[in-house]
Amino acid sequence: MKFSHLKVGERFLLKGELYVKATPLLANHADTGVNKVVPKYMNVELAEPGTADAVVFNKPDEMLEYIVSELSDAINSSTLSDAGKELVHNEIKRIQLEATKKIK
């Protein structure tokens, strides 16, 4: 199955290692928590067929908060300079405020 077909939160095997899909392009190693970029087209194997531990959001603002949190984690673990990280964080906050106004 392709990585893009997994739901966020589903567990899968990639090259014999267990991961959890965190975002449409990121997976977290199940044991270490280390993020890994996984291309959408990458073939993966479900670790637990029909797993029900995917993240479910009942409201758009919950999804937005989750996305912002995941982006922040990715930025913090990136190789960007501190100034670069701050710039990207500020832009994400601006976009989050705009999106929140449109949601409510």
Protein backbone atom coordinates (compact mmCIF):
# COMPACT_ATOMS: atom_id res chain seq x y z
CA MET A 1 0.00 0.00 0.00
CA LYS A 2 1.18 3.54 -0.65
CA PHE A 3 2.06 5.82 2.28
CA SER A 4 -0.50 8.35 1.02
CA HIS A 5 -3.30 5.80 1.61
CA LEU A 6 -2.62 5.55 5.34
CA LYS A 7 -4.60 7.62 7.83
CA VAL A 8 -2.79 9.79 10.35
CA GLY A 9 -2.07 7.64 13.39
CA GLU A 10 -1.93 4.32 11.57
CA ARG A 11 1.04 2.08 12.29
CA PHE A 12 3.05 0.63 9.42
CA LEU A 13 6.29 -1.11 8.58
CA LEU A 14 8.94 0.55 6.46
CA LYS A 15 12.10 -1.43 5.75
CA GLY A 16 11.36 -3.66 8.74
CA GLU A 17 10.94 -0.74 11.17
CA LEU A 18 7.65 0.21 12.86
CA TYR A 19 6.41 3.78 12.28
CA VAL A 20 3.29 5.83 12.95
CA LYS A 21 1.98 8.23 10.30
CA ALA A 22 2.12 11.72 11.84
CA THR A 23 1.25 13.99 8.89
CA PRO A 24 0.72 13.49 5.15
CA LEU A 25 4.52 13.50 4.68
CA LEU A 26 5.97 12.63 8.10
CA ALA A 27 6.15 9.46 10.12
CA ASN A 28 7.45 8.94 13.65
CA HIS A 29 9.51 5.89 14.53
CA ALA A 30 7.38 3.88 16.99
CA ASP A 31 10.24 3.34 19.45
CA THR A 32 12.43 6.44 19.16
CA GLY A 33 9.87 9.03 18.00
CA VAL A 34 12.34 10.32 15.41
CA ASN A 35 10.59 11.99 12.45
CA LYS A 36 11.14 10.70 8.93
CA VAL A 37 9.93 12.23 5.68
CA VAL A 38 8.13 9.53 3.71
CA PRO A 39 7.23 10.20 0.08
CA LYS A 40 3.54 9.71 -0.75
CA TYR A 41 4.38 7.05 -3.34
CA MET A 42 6.48 4.92 -0.93
CA ASN A 43 5.20 1.37 -0.50
CA VAL A 44 4.55 0.48 3.15
CA GLU A 45 2.90 -2.41 4.96
CA LEU A 46 0.19 -1.96 7.60
CA ALA A 47 1.46 -3.26 10.92
CA GLU A 48 -2.01 -3.92 12.24
CA PRO A 49 -4.61 -4.26 9.49
CA GLY A 50 -7.71 -2.22 10.23
CA THR A 51 -6.07 -0.38 13.10
CA ALA A 52 -8.40 2.08 14.77
CA ASP A 53 -5.82 4.35 16.40
CA ALA A 54 -5.90 7.00 13.65
CA VAL A 55 -6.31 10.55 14.88
CA VAL A 56 -9.92 11.72 14.52
CA PHE A 57 -10.99 15.34 14.68
CA ASN A 58 -14.56 16.44 15.33
CA LYS A 59 -13.99 20.13 14.69
CA PRO A 60 -11.92 22.03 12.11
CA ASP A 61 -10.14 24.02 14.82
CA GLU A 62 -8.91 20.76 16.41
CA MET A 63 -7.40 19.73 13.07
CA LEU A 64 -5.81 23.16 12.65
CA GLU A 65 -4.26 22.99 16.12
CA TYR A 66 -2.89 19.51 15.37
CA ILE A 67 -1.38 20.64 12.07
CA VAL A 68 0.24 23.68 13.69
CA SER A 69 1.67 21.47 16.43
CA GLU A 70 3.11 19.01 13.92
CA LEU A 71 4.58 21.81 11.82
CA SER A 72 6.17 23.35 14.90
CA ASP A 73 7.75 20.04 15.84
CA ALA A 74 9.10 19.62 12.30
CA ILE A 75 10.51 23.14 12.29
CA ASN A 76 12.15 22.71 15.69
CA SER A 77 13.86 19.51 14.57
CA SER A 78 14.98 21.03 11.26
CA THR A 79 18.43 22.37 10.41
CA LEU A 80 17.14 25.92 9.95
CA SER A 81 18.96 28.65 11.83
CA ASP A 82 17.23 30.04 14.91
CA ALA A 83 16.29 33.15 12.93
CA GLY A 84 14.86 30.98 10.16
CA LYS A 85 12.87 28.92 12.64
CA GLU A 86 11.47 32.07 14.23
CA LEU A 87 10.48 33.47 10.84
CA VAL A 88 8.64 30.27 9.88
CA HIS A 89 6.95 30.01 13.30
CA ASN A 90 5.71 33.60 12.99
CA GLU A 91 4.31 32.93 9.53
CA ILE A 92 2.53 29.80 10.77
CA LYS A 93 1.01 31.80 13.65
CA ARG A 94 -0.22 34.43 11.18
CA ILE A 95 -1.79 31.79 8.95
CA GLN A 96 -3.33 30.05 11.97
CA LEU A 97 -4.98 33.31 13.07
CA GLU A 98 -6.40 33.88 9.59
CA ALA A 99 -7.67 30.31 9.35
CA THR A 100 -9.24 30.49 12.82
CA LYS A 101 -11.22 33.57 11.80
CA LYS A 102 -12.52 31.75 8.73
CA ILE A 103 -13.45 28.63 10.71
CA LYS A 104 -15.54 30.45 13.32
